[in-house]
Amino acid sequence: MKWLIGIDGGGTKTVAYAAGLTGGILGRLEKGPGNYHVTGLTAFKNLITAIVAGLAAKCGQAPADLALISMGLAGADRKRDQEIILAALGDLALNCPCIICSDAKIALAAGVGRAEGIMLIAGTGSVAYGINDRQEVIRAGGWGHVASDEGSGYAIGREALARAIKAREGRDKDTRLMSLIIEYFGLRDWDELIGFINSPAATKARIASLARLTADAARNGDAVAAEILAEAAAALAGLVESVLTRGFAGKEPVPVCIYGGILQHIAAVRTALAEKLRGKAELVALQREPAVGALELGRNWLRDPNLDKGAM
């Protein structure tokens, strides 16, 4: 039986689904990070090899019958990125076509059933990604944690660290964040913090994990934590407004599909975001995993390789 794979490769984890060409999920697999900018191309190629072998074994399918791999990858919505990834995949002798788009696009397809609308992702990183009725792609954010990722888990975690340090040095209002962070990272005291945050152990994902801690502190009345979450919501609203202005003027309110740990699990950010976008956008929660959207885009491509070509 011919089958295909849909992949959602993020900065923290990769989710892959196997399915038949006309429907019916055959199996699901979860692996580590799928952003080649983070892992490097060798690790990325090993990841794809493991996914194909793992799903084939799990679902009882022959790799030789694989018709297509459809991937939505963080950091892969630009032509040059896609060229690099496709060249790397060529080394794997997969014997099937591979199509690549951004992780935001597959999430949009999973959320609204088609690649048209606005997708806002806020997890470890963040991006707002729109495809309008003219199939124009409008993007805001998503440049990575060094220069962007506004309102993301990393941005919240970094700000929690920064403001906790300032408070400890008498440069900000009192907050419980420092004591919570020290406990969370298993440090003896705050003097150990500088060594930790400047070590390889302070990964992007570890810093981003402080977002949940910050949300807990805000719920327990910490004013600084609440301010950090409010700032994150404002930053995310700014991303959406940028996409609205440049691609959806006169179409408001526009449905905005939201996804990612920050928007799914931190109610304070989600509520503040909805308020800031009132009258401009209507938030829609993503009910299906983005990898399912990758499957749908893959089936569309198999029916017509030129379909949606301008918005890959």
C-alpha atoms as a PDB file:
ATOM      1  CA  MET A   1       0.000   0.000   0.000  1.00  0.00           C
ATOM      2  CA  LYS A   2       1.233   3.472  -0.855  1.00  0.00           C
ATOM      3  CA  TRP A   3       1.583   5.757   2.153  1.00  0.00           C
ATOM      4  CA  LEU A   4       2.946   9.159   3.126  1.00  0.00           C
ATOM      5  CA  ILE A   5       4.522  10.846   6.132  1.00  0.00           C
ATOM      6  CA  GLY A   6       3.692  14.264   7.574  1.00  0.00           C
ATOM      7  CA  ILE A   7       6.305  15.876   9.819  1.00  0.00           C
ATOM      8  CA  ASP A   8       6.194  18.825  12.200  1.00  0.00           C
ATOM      9  CA  GLY A   9       9.781  19.661  13.113  1.00  0.00           C
ATOM     10  CA  GLY A  10      10.087  22.235  15.888  1.00  0.00           C
ATOM     11  CA  GLY A  11      12.892  23.640  17.970  1.00  0.00           C
ATOM     12  CA  THR A  12      12.203  21.256  20.855  1.00  0.00           C
ATOM     13  CA  LYS A  13      10.497  18.192  19.384  1.00  0.00           C
ATOM     14  CA  THR A  14       9.431  16.595  16.111  1.00  0.00           C
ATOM     15  CA  VAL A  15       6.067  14.882  15.591  1.00  0.00           C
ATOM     16  CA  ALA A  16       5.503  12.627  12.589  1.00  0.00           C
ATOM     17  CA  TYR A  17       2.389  10.859  11.298  1.00  0.00           C
ATOM     18  CA  ALA A  18       2.042   8.077   8.761  1.00  0.00           C
ATOM     19  CA  ALA A  19      -1.160   7.825   6.729  1.00  0.00           C
ATOM     20  CA  GLY A  20      -2.662   6.296   3.628  1.00  0.00           C
ATOM     21  CA  LEU A  21      -2.969   8.402   0.517  1.00  0.00           C
ATOM     22  CA  THR A  22      -6.741   8.821   0.849  1.00  0.00           C
ATOM     23  CA  GLY A  23      -7.032   9.066   4.619  1.00  0.00           C
ATOM     24  CA  GLY A  24      -6.668   7.019   7.755  1.00  0.00           C
ATOM     25  CA  ILE A  25      -3.847   7.636  10.226  1.00  0.00           C
ATOM     26  CA  LEU A  26      -1.537   4.645  10.444  1.00  0.00           C
ATOM     27  CA  GLY A  27       0.698   5.756  13.301  1.00  0.00           C
ATOM     28  CA  ARG A  28       2.431   8.548  15.186  1.00  0.00           C
ATOM     29  CA  LEU A  29       6.039   9.003  16.280  1.00  0.00           C
ATOM     30  CA  GLU A  30       7.723  11.661  18.402  1.00  0.00           C
ATOM     31  CA  LYS A  31      11.418  12.509  18.275  1.00  0.00           C
ATOM     32  CA  GLY A  32      13.795  15.319  19.264  1.00  0.00           C
ATOM     33  CA  PRO A  33      14.361  18.754  17.679  1.00  0.00           C
ATOM     34  CA  GLY A  34      13.774  19.125  13.937  1.00  0.00           C
ATOM     35  CA  ASN A  35      15.233  22.577  13.299  1.00  0.00           C
ATOM     36  CA  TYR A  36      18.445  22.052  11.338  1.00  0.00           C
ATOM     37  CA  HIS A  37      19.658  25.504  12.360  1.00  0.00           C
ATOM     38  CA  VAL A  38      19.780  24.165  15.924  1.00  0.00           C
ATOM     39  CA  THR A  39      20.826  20.541  15.410  1.00  0.00           C
ATOM     40  CA  GLY A  40      22.953  20.735  12.268  1.00  0.00           C
ATOM     41  CA  LEU A  41      22.335  18.896   9.002  1.00  0.00           C
ATOM     42  CA  THR A  42      23.889  15.594  10.076  1.00  0.00           C
ATOM     43  CA  ALA A  43      21.567  15.285  13.069  1.00  0.00           C
ATOM     44  CA  PHE A  44      18.649  16.368  10.887  1.00  0.00           C
ATOM     45  CA  LYS A  45      19.363  13.647   8.335  1.00  0.00           C
ATOM     46  CA  ASN A  46      19.631  11.076  11.131  1.00  0.00           C
ATOM     47  CA  LEU A  47      16.282  12.286  12.455  1.00  0.00           C
ATOM     48  CA  ILE A  48      14.510  11.802   9.120  1.00  0.00           C
ATOM     49  CA  THR A  49      16.082   8.373   8.677  1.00  0.00           C
ATOM     50  CA  ALA A  50      14.874   7.340  12.143  1.00  0.00           C
ATOM     51  CA  ILE A  51      11.363   8.658  11.464  1.00  0.00           C
ATOM     52  CA  VAL A  52      10.991   6.761   8.193  1.00  0.00           C
ATOM     53  CA  ALA A  53      12.340   3.525   9.682  1.00  0.00           C
ATOM     54  CA  GLY A  54      10.375   3.944  12.898  1.00  0.00           C
ATOM     55  CA  LEU A  55       7.032   4.609  11.230  1.00  0.00           C
ATOM     56  CA  ALA A  56       7.535   1.856   8.665  1.00  0.00           C
ATOM     57  CA  ALA A  57       8.162  -0.654  11.438  1.00  0.00           C
ATOM     58  CA  LYS A  58       5.410   0.672  13.689  1.00  0.00           C
ATOM     59  CA  CYS A  59       2.769   0.734  10.945  1.00  0.00           C
ATOM     60  CA  GLY A  60       3.818  -2.366   9.032  1.00  0.00           C
ATOM     61  CA  GLN A  61       4.573  -0.408   5.875  1.00  0.00           C
ATOM     62  CA  ALA A  62       7.363  -0.915   3.350  1.00  0.00           C
ATOM     63  CA  PRO A  63       9.732   2.052   2.933  1.00  0.00           C
ATOM     64  CA  ALA A  64       9.719   1.297  -0.798  1.00  0.00           C
ATOM     65  CA  ASP A  65       5.984   2.123  -0.879  1.00  0.00           C
ATOM     66  CA  LEU A  66       6.474   5.567   0.658  1.00  0.00           C
ATOM     67  CA  ALA A  67       4.938   8.052  -1.808  1.00  0.00           C
ATOM     68  CA  LEU A  68       5.879  11.347  -0.172  1.00  0.00           C
ATOM     69  CA  ILE A  69       7.337  13.032   2.896  1.00  0.00           C
ATOM     70  CA  SER A  70       5.652  16.363   3.650  1.00  0.00           C
ATOM     71  CA  MET A  71       7.533  18.482   6.186  1.00  0.00           C
ATOM     72  CA  GLY A  72       6.707  21.622   8.077  1.00  0.00           C
ATOM     73  CA  LEU A  73       9.951  22.703   9.714  1.00  0.00           C
ATOM     74  CA  ALA A  74      10.873  25.544  12.022  1.00  0.00           C
ATOM     75  CA  GLY A  75      13.303  27.846  10.236  1.00  0.00           C
ATOM     76  CA  ALA A  76      12.520  26.438   6.792  1.00  0.00           C
ATOM     77  CA  ASP A  77      10.095  28.807   5.087  1.00  0.00           C
ATOM     78  CA  ARG A  78      12.702  30.579   2.981  1.00  0.00           C
ATOM     79  CA  LYS A  79      13.849  29.309  -0.407  1.00  0.00           C
ATOM     80  CA  ARG A  80      17.510  29.034   0.579  1.00  0.00           C
ATOM     81  CA  ASP A  81      16.649  26.963   3.680  1.00  0.00           C
ATOM     82  CA  GLN A  82      14.546  24.616   1.563  1.00  0.00           C
ATOM     83  CA  GLU A  83      17.345  24.194  -0.970  1.00  0.00           C
ATOM     84  CA  ILE A  84      19.793  23.280   1.800  1.00  0.00           C
ATOM     85  CA  ILE A  85      17.393  20.789   3.371  1.00  0.00           C
ATOM     86  CA  LEU A  86      16.447  19.159   0.061  1.00  0.00           C
ATOM     87  CA  ALA A  87      20.122  18.760  -0.806  1.00  0.00           C
ATOM     88  CA  ALA A  88      20.712  17.077   2.552  1.00  0.00           C
ATOM     89  CA  LEU A  89      17.722  14.778   2.069  1.00  0.00           C
ATOM     90  CA  GLY A  90      19.129  13.805  -1.319  1.00  0.00           C
ATOM     91  CA  ASP A  91      21.933  12.033   0.538  1.00  0.00           C
ATOM     92  CA  LEU A  92      19.420   9.661   2.173  1.00  0.00           C
ATOM     93  CA  ALA A  93      18.238   7.858  -0.993  1.00  0.00           C
ATOM     94  CA  LEU A  94      14.629   8.004   0.180  1.00  0.00           C
ATOM     95  CA  ASN A  95      13.241   7.119  -3.270  1.00  0.00           C
ATOM     96  CA  CYS A  96      10.265   9.433  -2.815  1.00  0.00           C
ATOM     97  CA  PRO A  97       9.629  13.166  -3.218  1.00  0.00           C
ATOM     98  CA  CYS A  98       9.962  15.513  -0.249  1.00  0.00           C
ATOM     99  CA  ILE A  99       8.154  18.835   0.078  1.00  0.00           C
ATOM    100  CA  ILE A 100       9.071  21.446   2.656  1.00  0.00           C
ATOM    101  CA  CYS A 101       7.297  24.463   4.111  1.00  0.00           C
ATOM    102  CA  SER A 102       7.287  26.305   7.427  1.00  0.00           C
ATOM    103  CA  ASP A 103       5.913  24.766  10.609  1.00  0.00           C
ATOM    104  CA  ALA A 104       3.487  27.698  10.693  1.00  0.00           C
ATOM    105  CA  LYS A 105       1.939  26.722   7.362  1.00  0.00           C
ATOM    106  CA  ILE A 106       1.171  23.135   8.356  1.00  0.00           C
ATOM    107  CA  ALA A 107      -0.316  24.390  11.628  1.00  0.00           C
ATOM    108  CA  LEU A 108      -2.542  26.756   9.648  1.00  0.00           C
ATOM    109  CA  ALA A 109      -3.672  23.899   7.392  1.00  0.00           C
ATOM    110  CA  ALA A 110      -4.439  21.764  10.461  1.00  0.00           C
ATOM    111  CA  GLY A 111      -6.262  24.599  12.198  1.00  0.00           C
ATOM    112  CA  VAL A 112      -8.525  26.001   9.500  1.00  0.00           C
ATOM    113  CA  GLY A 113      -8.494  23.140   7.013  1.00  0.00           C
ATOM    114  CA  ARG A 114      -6.669  25.087   4.318  1.00  0.00           C
ATOM    115  CA  ALA A 115      -3.537  27.151   3.855  1.00  0.00           C
ATOM    116  CA  GLU A 116      -5.305  30.520   4.125  1.00  0.00           C
ATOM    117  CA  GLY A 117      -5.551  32.741   7.187  1.00  0.00           C
ATOM    118  CA  ILE A 118      -3.191  33.631  10.024  1.00  0.00           C
ATOM    119  CA  MET A 119      -1.270  31.265  12.244  1.00  0.00           C
ATOM    120  CA  LEU A 120       0.265  32.458  15.502  1.00  0.00           C
ATOM    121  CA  ILE A 121       2.710  30.083  17.155  1.00  0.00           C
ATOM    122  CA  ALA A 122       4.213  30.776  20.557  1.00  0.00           C
ATOM    123  CA  GLY A 123       6.133  27.898  22.043  1.00  0.00           C
ATOM    124  CA  THR A 124       9.882  27.850  22.582  1.00  0.00           C
ATOM    125  CA  GLY A 125       9.984  30.398  19.744  1.00  0.00           C
ATOM    126  CA  SER A 126       7.295  32.496  18.068  1.00  0.00           C
ATOM    127  CA  VAL A 127       6.066  33.521  14.631  1.00  0.00           C
ATOM    128  CA  ALA A 128       2.965  34.967  12.976  1.00  0.00           C
ATOM    129  CA  TYR A 129       2.388  33.630   9.506  1.00  0.00           C
ATOM    130  CA  GLY A 130      -0.420  34.600   7.148  1.00  0.00           C
ATOM    131  CA  ILE A 131      -1.553  33.469   3.714  1.00  0.00           C
ATOM    132  CA  ASN A 132      -4.211  35.739   2.242  1.00  0.00           C
ATOM    133  CA  ASP A 133      -6.805  35.134  -0.480  1.00  0.00           C
ATOM    134  CA  ARG A 134      -4.225  36.073  -3.113  1.00  0.00           C
ATOM    135  CA  GLN A 135      -1.921  33.341  -1.774  1.00  0.00           C
ATOM    136  CA  GLU A 136       0.605  35.931  -0.619  1.00  0.00           C
ATOM    137  CA  VAL A 137       2.718  34.931   2.357  1.00  0.00           C
ATOM    138  CA  ILE A 138       3.020  37.549   5.097  1.00  0.00           C
ATOM    139  CA  ARG A 139       5.302  36.815   8.006  1.00  0.00           C
ATOM    140  CA  ALA A 140       6.278  38.539  11.249  1.00  0.00           C
ATOM    141  CA  GLY A 141       8.862  37.325  13.740  1.00  0.00           C
ATOM    142  CA  GLY A 142      10.345  33.874  13.699  1.00  0.00           C
ATOM    143  CA  TRP A 143      13.942  35.012  13.294  1.00  0.00           C
ATOM    144  CA  GLY A 144      15.180  32.971  16.241  1.00  0.00           C
ATOM    145  CA  HIS A 145      15.915  33.800  19.856  1.00  0.00           C
ATOM    146  CA  VAL A 146      18.949  36.001  19.196  1.00  0.00           C
ATOM    147  CA  ALA A 147      16.995  38.721  17.369  1.00  0.00           C
ATOM    148  CA  SER A 148      13.314  37.786  17.577  1.00  0.00           C
ATOM    149  CA  ASP A 149      10.953  35.173  19.114  1.00  0.00           C
ATOM    150  CA  GLU A 150       8.900  37.902  20.774  1.00  0.00           C
ATOM    151  CA  GLY A 151       6.398  36.648  23.349  1.00  0.00           C
ATOM    152  CA  SER A 152       7.816  33.122  23.202  1.00  0.00           C
ATOM    153  CA  GLY A 153       8.712  30.784  26.028  1.00  0.00           C
ATOM    154  CA  TYR A 154      12.350  31.736  25.599  1.00  0.00           C
ATOM    155  CA  ALA A 155      11.526  35.461  25.693  1.00  0.00           C
ATOM    156  CA  ILE A 156       9.456  35.008  28.862  1.00  0.00           C
ATOM    157  CA  GLY A 157      12.133  32.862  30.506  1.00  0.00           C
ATOM    158  CA  ARG A 158      14.913  35.280  29.636  1.00  0.00           C
ATOM    159  CA  GLU A 159      12.912  38.227  30.948  1.00  0.00           C
ATOM    160  CA  ALA A 160      12.165  36.318  34.159  1.00  0.00           C
ATOM    161  CA  LEU A 161      15.899  35.793  34.635  1.00  0.00           C
ATOM    162  CA  ALA A 162      16.727  39.406  33.799  1.00  0.00           C
ATOM    163  CA  ARG A 163      14.156  40.920  36.116  1.00  0.00           C
ATOM    164  CA  ALA A 164      14.962  38.496  38.940  1.00  0.00           C
ATOM    165  CA  ILE A 165      18.608  39.563  38.720  1.00  0.00           C
ATOM    166  CA  LYS A 166      17.673  43.250  38.655  1.00  0.00           C
ATOM    167  CA  ALA A 167      15.431  42.826  41.684  1.00  0.00           C
ATOM    168  CA  ARG A 168      18.185  41.006  43.585  1.00  0.00           C
ATOM    169  CA  GLU A 169      20.493  43.953  42.829  1.00  0.00           C
ATOM    170  CA  GLY A 170      17.909  46.547  43.903  1.00  0.00           C
ATOM    171  CA  ARG A 171      17.217  47.726  40.340  1.00  0.00           C
ATOM    172  CA  ASP A 172      13.633  46.475  40.105  1.00  0.00           C
ATOM    173  CA  LYS A 173      10.618  45.857  42.324  1.00  0.00           C
ATOM    174  CA  ASP A 174      10.506  42.853  44.633  1.00  0.00           C
ATOM    175  CA  THR A 175       9.694  39.473  43.128  1.00  0.00           C
ATOM    176  CA  ARG A 176       9.813  35.827  44.154  1.00  0.00           C
ATOM    177  CA  LEU A 177      11.206  34.845  40.759  1.00  0.00           C
ATOM    178  CA  MET A 178      14.840  34.571  41.912  1.00  0.00           C
ATOM    179  CA  SER A 179      14.110  32.077  44.672  1.00  0.00           C
ATOM    180  CA  LEU A 180      11.824  30.099  42.372  1.00  0.00           C
ATOM    181  CA  ILE A 181      14.445  29.997  39.610  1.00  0.00           C
ATOM    182  CA  ILE A 182      17.208  28.873  41.981  1.00  0.00           C
ATOM    183  CA  GLU A 183      15.006  26.077  43.270  1.00  0.00           C
ATOM    184  CA  TYR A 184      13.869  25.102  39.779  1.00  0.00           C
ATOM    185  CA  PHE A 185      17.416  24.766  38.443  1.00  0.00           C
ATOM    186  CA  GLY A 186      18.599  22.941  41.575  1.00  0.00           C
ATOM    187  CA  LEU A 187      21.149  25.585  42.572  1.00  0.00           C
ATOM    188  CA  ARG A 188      22.357  26.192  46.116  1.00  0.00           C
ATOM    189  CA  ASP A 189      22.143  29.974  45.993  1.00  0.00           C
ATOM    190  CA  TRP A 190      21.987  32.869  43.575  1.00  0.00           C
ATOM    191  CA  ASP A 191      25.791  33.068  43.285  1.00  0.00           C
ATOM    192  CA  GLU A 192      25.651  29.810  41.317  1.00  0.00           C
ATOM    193  CA  LEU A 193      23.239  31.299  38.798  1.00  0.00           C
ATOM    194  CA  ILE A 194      25.863  33.118  36.718  1.00  0.00           C
ATOM    195  CA  GLY A 195      27.777  29.907  36.161  1.00  0.00           C
ATOM    196  CA  PHE A 196      24.635  28.031  35.192  1.00  0.00           C
ATOM    197  CA  ILE A 197      23.204  30.525  32.706  1.00  0.00           C
ATOM    198  CA  ASN A 198      26.577  30.836  30.972  1.00  0.00           C
ATOM    199  CA  SER A 199      27.077  27.081  30.683  1.00  0.00           C
ATOM    200  CA  PRO A 200      25.957  24.613  27.988  1.00  0.00           C
ATOM    201  CA  ALA A 201      23.286  23.399  30.419  1.00  0.00           C
ATOM    202  CA  ALA A 202      21.348  26.642  29.933  1.00  0.00           C
ATOM    203  CA  THR A 203      19.870  25.562  26.615  1.00  0.00           C
ATOM    204  CA  LYS A 204      17.198  27.482  24.773  1.00  0.00           C
ATOM    205  CA  ALA A 205      14.638  24.899  25.880  1.00  0.00           C
ATOM    206  CA  ARG A 206      15.717  25.142  29.545  1.00  0.00           C
ATOM    207  CA  ILE A 207      15.372  28.913  29.559  1.00  0.00           C
ATOM    208  CA  ALA A 208      12.008  28.626  27.802  1.00  0.00           C
ATOM    209  CA  SER A 209      10.798  26.217  30.491  1.00  0.00           C
ATOM    210  CA  LEU A 210      10.864  29.137  32.950  1.00  0.00           C
ATOM    211  CA  ALA A 211       7.694  30.419  31.273  1.00  0.00           C
ATOM    212  CA  ARG A 212       5.557  27.945  33.235  1.00  0.00           C
ATOM    213  CA  LEU A 213       7.285  28.966  36.463  1.00  0.00           C
ATOM    214  CA  THR A 214       6.598  32.624  35.632  1.00  0.00           C
ATOM    215  CA  ALA A 215       2.925  31.848  34.985  1.00  0.00           C
ATOM    216  CA  ASP A 216       2.654  30.072  38.335  1.00  0.00           C
ATOM    217  CA  ALA A 217       4.244  33.054  40.080  1.00  0.00           C
ATOM    218  CA  ALA A 218       1.809  35.443  38.368  1.00  0.00           C
ATOM    219  CA  ARG A 219      -1.173  33.344  39.469  1.00  0.00           C
ATOM    220  CA  ASN A 220       0.144  33.573  43.029  1.00  0.00           C
ATOM    221  CA  GLY A 221       0.214  37.354  42.925  1.00  0.00           C
ATOM    222  CA  ASP A 222       3.771  38.174  41.824  1.00  0.00           C
ATOM    223  CA  ALA A 223       3.493  41.573  40.109  1.00  0.00           C
ATOM    224  CA  VAL A 224       6.735  41.266  38.142  1.00  0.00           C
ATOM    225  CA  ALA A 225       5.721  37.882  36.740  1.00  0.00           C
ATOM    226  CA  ALA A 226       2.339  39.310  35.742  1.00  0.00           C
ATOM    227  CA  GLU A 227       4.037  42.199  33.955  1.00  0.00           C
ATOM    228  CA  ILE A 228       6.265  39.782  32.032  1.00  0.00           C
ATOM    229  CA  LEU A 229       3.233  37.844  30.794  1.00  0.00           C
ATOM    230  CA  ALA A 230       1.419  41.044  29.832  1.00  0.00           C
ATOM    231  CA  GLU A 231       4.460  42.164  27.836  1.00  0.00           C
ATOM    232  CA  ALA A 232       4.553  38.775  26.082  1.00  0.00           C
ATOM    233  CA  ALA A 233       0.891  39.122  25.084  1.00  0.00           C
ATOM    234  CA  ALA A 234       1.531  42.627  23.747  1.00  0.00           C
ATOM    235  CA  ALA A 235       4.501  41.376  21.714  1.00  0.00           C
ATOM    236  CA  LEU A 236       2.449  38.545  20.208  1.00  0.00           C
ATOM    237  CA  ALA A 237      -0.367  40.966  19.380  1.00  0.00           C
ATOM    238  CA  GLY A 238       2.200  43.114  17.597  1.00  0.00           C
ATOM    239  CA  LEU A 239       3.194  40.176  15.392  1.00  0.00           C
ATOM    240  CA  VAL A 240      -0.423  39.528  14.417  1.00  0.00           C
ATOM    241  CA  GLU A 241      -1.102  43.208  13.782  1.00  0.00           C
ATOM    242  CA  SER A 242       1.912  43.373  11.481  1.00  0.00           C
ATOM    243  CA  VAL A 243       0.536  40.508   9.376  1.00  0.00           C
ATOM    244  CA  LEU A 244      -2.975  42.007   9.391  1.00  0.00           C
ATOM    245  CA  THR A 245      -1.754  45.396   8.225  1.00  0.00           C
ATOM    246  CA  ARG A 246       0.410  44.055   5.411  1.00  0.00           C
ATOM    247  CA  GLY A 247      -1.872  41.334   4.064  1.00  0.00           C
ATOM    248  CA  PHE A 248      -5.410  41.467   5.411  1.00  0.00           C
ATOM    249  CA  ALA A 249      -6.383  45.153   5.465  1.00  0.00           C
ATOM    250  CA  GLY A 250     -10.139  45.596   5.283  1.00  0.00           C
ATOM    251  CA  LYS A 251     -10.797  41.916   6.082  1.00  0.00           C
ATOM    252  CA  GLU A 252     -11.098  42.248   9.885  1.00  0.00           C
ATOM    253  CA  PRO A 253     -11.921  40.420  12.005  1.00  0.00           C
ATOM    254  CA  VAL A 254      -9.625  37.690  10.701  1.00  0.00           C
ATOM    255  CA  PRO A 255      -9.551  34.215  12.278  1.00  0.00           C
ATOM    256  CA  VAL A 256      -6.158  33.630  13.892  1.00  0.00           C
ATOM    257  CA  CYS A 257      -5.298  30.036  14.711  1.00  0.00           C
ATOM    258  CA  ILE A 258      -3.154  29.844  17.848  1.00  0.00           C
ATOM    259  CA  TYR A 259      -0.757  27.081  18.799  1.00  0.00           C
ATOM    260  CA  GLY A 260       2.201  26.399  21.074  1.00  0.00           C
ATOM    261  CA  GLY A 261       2.729  25.889  24.773  1.00  0.00           C
ATOM    262  CA  ILE A 262       2.517  29.579  25.710  1.00  0.00           C
ATOM    263  CA  LEU A 263      -0.865  30.119  24.057  1.00  0.00           C
ATOM    264  CA  GLN A 264      -2.251  26.717  24.952  1.00  0.00           C
ATOM    265  CA  HIS A 265      -1.193  26.526  28.593  1.00  0.00           C
ATOM    266  CA  ILE A 266      -0.829  30.096  29.899  1.00  0.00           C
ATOM    267  CA  ALA A 267      -4.320  31.562  30.145  1.00  0.00           C
ATOM    268  CA  ALA A 268      -3.092  35.017  31.159  1.00  0.00           C
ATOM    269  CA  VAL A 269      -1.224  35.447  27.866  1.00  0.00           C
ATOM    270  CA  ARG A 270      -4.091  34.067  25.796  1.00  0.00           C
ATOM    271  CA  THR A 271      -6.698  36.258  27.500  1.00  0.00           C
ATOM    272  CA  ALA A 272      -4.612  39.423  27.196  1.00  0.00           C
ATOM    273  CA  LEU A 273      -3.876  38.643  23.553  1.00  0.00           C
ATOM    274  CA  ALA A 274      -7.570  38.241  22.742  1.00  0.00           C
ATOM    275  CA  GLU A 275      -8.325  41.575  24.397  1.00  0.00           C
ATOM    276  CA  LYS A 276      -5.597  43.400  22.475  1.00  0.00           C
ATOM    277  CA  LEU A 277      -6.844  41.981  19.183  1.00  0.00           C
ATOM    278  CA  ARG A 278     -10.539  42.568  19.876  1.00  0.00           C
ATOM    279  CA  GLY A 279     -12.300  43.678  16.694  1.00  0.00           C
ATOM    280  CA  LYS A 280      -9.254  42.855  14.567  1.00  0.00           C
ATOM    281  CA  ALA A 281      -8.947  39.097  14.954  1.00  0.00           C
ATOM    282  CA  GLU A 282     -10.781  36.121  16.387  1.00  0.00           C
ATOM    283  CA  LEU A 283      -8.620  33.517  18.098  1.00  0.00           C
ATOM    284  CA  VAL A 284      -9.214  29.904  17.133  1.00  0.00           C
ATOM    285  CA  ALA A 285      -7.548  27.124  19.131  1.00  0.00           C
ATOM    286  CA  LEU A 286      -5.763  24.479  17.091  1.00  0.00           C
ATOM    287  CA  GLN A 287      -7.554  21.169  17.692  1.00  0.00           C
ATOM    288  CA  ARG A 288      -5.283  18.914  15.631  1.00  0.00           C
ATOM    289  CA  GLU A 289      -1.524  18.506  15.700  1.00  0.00           C
ATOM    290  CA  PRO A 290       0.277  20.450  12.953  1.00  0.00           C
ATOM    291  CA  ALA A 291       1.741  17.241  11.535  1.00  0.00           C
ATOM    292  CA  VAL A 292      -1.791  16.373  10.409  1.00  0.00           C
ATOM    293  CA  GLY A 293      -1.733  19.578   8.374  1.00  0.00           C
ATOM    294  CA  ALA A 294       1.487  18.358   6.773  1.00  0.00           C
ATOM    295  CA  LEU A 295      -0.363  15.216   5.707  1.00  0.00           C
ATOM    296  CA  GLU A 296      -3.157  17.268   4.146  1.00  0.00           C
ATOM    297  CA  LEU A 297      -0.743  19.508   2.238  1.00  0.00           C
ATOM    298  CA  GLY A 298       1.083  16.372   1.109  1.00  0.00           C
ATOM    299  CA  ARG A 299      -2.092  14.810  -0.276  1.00  0.00           C
ATOM    300  CA  ASN A 300      -2.878  18.055  -2.086  1.00  0.00           C
ATOM    301  CA  TRP A 301       0.604  18.044  -3.614  1.00  0.00           C
ATOM    302  CA  LEU A 302       0.233  14.445  -4.779  1.00  0.00           C
ATOM    303  CA  ARG A 303      -2.992  15.407  -6.547  1.00  0.00           C
ATOM    304  CA  ASP A 304      -1.363  18.445  -8.169  1.00  0.00           C
ATOM    305  CA  PRO A 305       2.328  19.323  -7.611  1.00  0.00           C
ATOM    306  CA  ASN A 306       1.632  22.873  -8.827  1.00  0.00           C
ATOM    307  CA  LEU A 307      -1.186  23.433  -6.337  1.00  0.00           C
ATOM    308  CA  ASP A 308      -0.412  26.144  -3.776  1.00  0.00           C
ATOM    309  CA  LYS A 309       3.077  26.472  -5.248  1.00  0.00           C
ATOM    310  CA  GLY A 310       3.280  30.145  -4.390  1.00  0.00           C
ATOM    311  CA  ALA A 311       2.710  29.592  -0.690  1.00  0.00           C
ATOM    312  CA  MET A 312       4.970  26.695   0.140  1.00  0.00           C
END
